[in-house]
Protein backbone atom coordinates (compact mmCIF):
# COMPACT_ATOMS: atom_id res chain seq x y z
CA MET A 1 0.00 0.00 0.00
CA VAL A 2 2.01 2.93 -1.30
CA HIS A 3 0.56 6.43 -1.30
CA ASP A 4 2.07 9.56 -2.82
CA ASP A 5 2.34 12.96 -1.14
CA GLU A 6 -1.25 13.73 -2.19
CA GLY A 7 -2.60 10.57 -0.53
CA ARG A 8 -3.27 8.80 -3.82
CA LEU A 9 -2.88 5.00 -3.94
CA LEU A 10 -0.42 3.23 -6.22
CA LEU A 11 -2.08 0.71 -8.55
CA ILE A 12 -1.00 -1.34 -11.55
CA LYS A 13 -3.03 -2.22 -14.63
CA ARG A 14 -2.85 -5.98 -15.20
CA ALA A 15 -1.09 -6.85 -18.49
CA GLU A 16 -2.16 -9.42 -21.07
CA GLY A 17 -1.19 -12.86 -19.80
CA ALA A 18 -1.65 -11.84 -16.16
CA THR A 19 -4.69 -12.72 -14.07
CA LYS A 20 -7.59 -10.39 -14.97
CA PRO A 21 -5.82 -8.33 -17.68
CA GLY A 22 -7.06 -4.78 -18.18
CA PHE A 23 -8.17 -4.40 -14.58
CA TRP A 24 -6.21 -2.60 -11.87
CA SER A 25 -4.79 -3.93 -8.61
CA ILE A 26 -2.58 -3.10 -5.71
CA PRO A 27 0.92 -4.30 -6.70
CA ALA A 28 1.36 -7.90 -5.59
CA GLY A 29 3.10 -11.17 -6.31
CA TYR A 30 4.43 -14.39 -4.92
CA VAL A 31 7.09 -15.19 -2.35
CA ASP A 32 9.89 -17.30 -3.79
CA TYR A 33 11.14 -20.30 -1.83
CA GLY A 34 13.58 -19.10 0.85
CA GLU A 35 12.60 -15.44 0.40
CA GLU A 36 11.54 -13.33 3.37
CA ILE A 37 8.00 -11.98 2.84
CA ARG A 38 8.89 -8.29 3.17
CA GLU A 39 11.77 -8.71 0.72
CA ALA A 40 9.33 -10.39 -1.67
CA ALA A 41 6.90 -7.48 -1.33
CA ALA A 42 9.65 -4.94 -2.08
CA ARG A 43 10.92 -7.02 -5.03
CA GLU A 44 7.46 -7.46 -6.55
CA LEU A 45 6.68 -3.76 -6.22
CA LEU A 46 10.00 -2.83 -7.87
CA GLU A 47 9.39 -5.31 -10.72
CA GLU A 48 5.85 -4.05 -11.36
CA THR A 49 6.26 -0.30 -10.76
CA GLY A 50 9.94 0.63 -10.89
CA LEU A 51 9.73 2.06 -7.37
CA ILE A 52 11.97 1.17 -4.45
CA VAL A 53 9.95 0.92 -1.26
CA GLU A 54 10.43 0.57 2.43
CA VAL A 55 8.00 -2.14 3.54
CA GLY A 56 6.23 -1.38 6.82
CA GLU A 57 3.54 -2.94 8.96
CA VAL A 58 0.90 -5.45 7.90
CA VAL A 59 -2.41 -3.66 7.19
CA TRP A 60 -4.60 -6.50 5.83
CA VAL A 61 -4.54 -10.28 5.45
CA ALA A 62 -7.05 -12.27 3.39
CA SER A 63 -7.56 -15.53 1.54
CA ASN A 64 -7.55 -15.12 -2.22
CA PHE A 65 -10.12 -17.19 -4.10
CA HIS A 66 -9.70 -15.63 -7.58
CA ASP A 67 -7.82 -18.66 -8.94
CA PRO A 68 -9.71 -21.91 -8.24
CA SER A 69 -6.59 -23.97 -9.06
CA LYS A 70 -4.60 -22.48 -6.17
CA LEU A 71 -5.70 -20.85 -2.97
CA THR A 72 -3.31 -18.15 -1.80
CA VAL A 73 -3.14 -15.91 1.22
CA GLY A 74 -2.52 -12.23 0.59
CA VAL A 75 -0.67 -9.99 3.00
CA TRP A 76 -0.96 -6.25 2.40
CA PHE A 77 1.77 -4.03 3.85
CA ALA A 78 2.05 -0.30 4.32
CA GLY A 79 4.89 0.97 2.15
CA ARG A 80 6.82 4.14 1.49
CA ALA A 81 8.55 4.89 -1.81
CA THR A 82 12.20 5.78 -1.24
CA GLY A 83 13.50 5.82 -4.81
CA GLY A 84 13.19 4.56 -8.33
CA LYS A 85 11.11 5.86 -11.22
CA LEU A 86 7.43 5.01 -11.71
CA GLN A 87 7.10 2.79 -14.79
CA ALA A 88 5.10 -0.31 -15.56
CA GLY A 89 7.00 -3.57 -15.72
CA ASP A 90 6.74 -7.35 -15.30
CA ASP A 91 3.01 -8.25 -15.50
CA ALA A 92 1.85 -4.63 -15.37
CA ALA A 93 0.70 -2.75 -18.48
CA ASP A 94 0.55 0.58 -16.63
CA ALA A 95 1.15 1.99 -13.16
CA GLY A 96 -0.15 5.12 -11.52
CA PHE A 97 -1.50 6.82 -8.43
CA PHE A 98 -5.25 7.22 -7.93
CA ARG A 99 -7.43 9.13 -5.52
CA LEU A 100 -9.29 6.73 -3.25
CA ASP A 101 -12.64 8.16 -4.37
CA GLU A 102 -11.73 7.80 -8.09
CA LEU A 103 -10.37 4.27 -8.40
CA PRO A 104 -10.43 2.43 -11.74
CA PRO A 105 -12.08 -1.02 -12.03
CA LEU A 106 -10.26 -3.35 -9.64
CA ALA A 107 -9.24 -6.91 -10.52
CA PHE A 108 -9.48 -8.55 -7.13
CA GLU A 109 -12.22 -8.72 -4.51
CA THR A 110 -9.59 -8.74 -1.77
CA ASP A 111 -8.26 -5.33 -2.84
CA SER A 112 -11.83 -4.02 -2.93
CA ALA A 113 -12.55 -5.51 0.51
CA TYR A 114 -9.47 -3.87 2.02
CA LEU A 115 -10.35 -0.49 0.55
CA ALA A 116 -13.97 -0.88 1.73
CA SER A 117 -12.67 -1.49 5.25
CA LEU A 118 -11.22 2.02 5.06
CA ASN A 119 -14.70 3.36 4.23
CA VAL A 120 -13.61 4.29 0.73
């Protein structure tokens, strides 16, 4: 969960070949074997957005049911950009910051549920 100085939320647009292409999501990914979860979060965010982040506290945990072939557990962290240049990469077709009251169509119910918990 990375916000800019204006309080806008960082999202990526899912690329062709990714789950739910054309929809937007909070940057996310998988933890590689032997990788610490916060390092994985920072790596995935860098790969998808070009931004270097400091990964902070856990803000949300949920089961992901969007892929019936594999249940995953998502862990959302607070994050703060410390460097890099915003640019889409990896399985992202675009990346940008959005006002919480003007979000594009979201790919995953878990992202929507987290944002709803904030009364957005």
